Amino acid sequence: MEIIRDLKLLSRHPYPVVTLGNFDGVHLGHRAILKATMDRARAAGGTAFAITFEPHPEKFLFPDRAPRLILVPEDKLEFLRLSGLDGVIVFDFTRELSLVPPREFVRDYLLDRIGAREVVIGHSVNFGHKRAGNAAVMVELGRELGFDTAVVGPVKVAGMEVSSTKIRELISTGDMRGAAKLLGRYHFLHGPVVHGRERGRTIGFPTANIQSETECIPPDGVYATRVVLEDGAFASITNIGMRPTFNEDARSVEAHIFDFNRDIYGQRVKLELIERIRGEKKFESAEALRKQIAMDLDKAHEILATA
């Protein structure tokens, strides 16, 4: 898959079919849009492109109230690659780009610079200055400027409309199973394993301290998880939180990997969050915590046996 970050380097392709969006999560709704884009491109002997933006427009325009992203940019691009697209065009979201009205954005970028022949969009898309462009506007611009438009969605799973906003809401409540249904996969945190205070070793449960680069982290608690390394996925149990029993003052993500004794410090790992076992709480002693962890381990094994 081709990744284009400078439109000056984009060569002309036969019959480009494009879609555009932030694609945070690359969830089942996004996948339906991507599939429609590829299907239409293949039917016409053309090429399928997705247009996305870095940074996320809301991160640039409204950093204080922007959403916590489900995926880091490299993971988003990897999922887009796995979808089967011919290419992804990454726009550098700038103040200048944010001021371009919808009509000029479509005319100057989609048509003049990319040469789009068809545009596929989600039903809830917004584009252009002040997000004035939507699906209806795109359809009308297609009629005016001479390209075909297809609108996809809404996509529903288990009675819920699939959206990045809904997925963030589910993650924020610790409903990892619900989030997985809409994502089409388990939500994961991505980041390096770093040295911590090694509290787990003192009570017989050594942990990998993961410095999450993923922003969308579920609430504090204990989770049945899998740590994904280059050579496979390993069952684990993870505590997210402040470790109140030890009066810690910083939030951490610590995974205890079952039957595992390798040194993975410095490695970047993915931590799949399968199910929340319980909330975090303060115990009277390290011994009380150790007993609770033993029960949590049994529950984690039970969950992971069928995940």
Foldseek 3Di string as FASTA:
>chain_A
DAEAADLVPDDAWPAEEEEEDACQLVWPQVLVLQVVQVVVQVVVVTFYEYEHEPPHVCCVVPVVPDDQTLDDVVVSVVVSVVSPGPYYYYYYDDPVQLAFAPLCCCCVPVPPRHNHQEYEYEQAQFDHHVSPDGQVNVCVSCVVVPHYYHYDDQDDFPRHGQDPVVLLVCQQAQNQVVSCRGSVHFRKFKAFFADDPQPLVVLPFGWGWGDGPRRSHYAFAKFFKWKQDPVGIFTWIWTWAQQVQVPRDDTIIIIRTPPDDDDRGGPMIMIGTQGGDDHDDHDPHSVVVSVVVVVVVVVSCVRVVVD
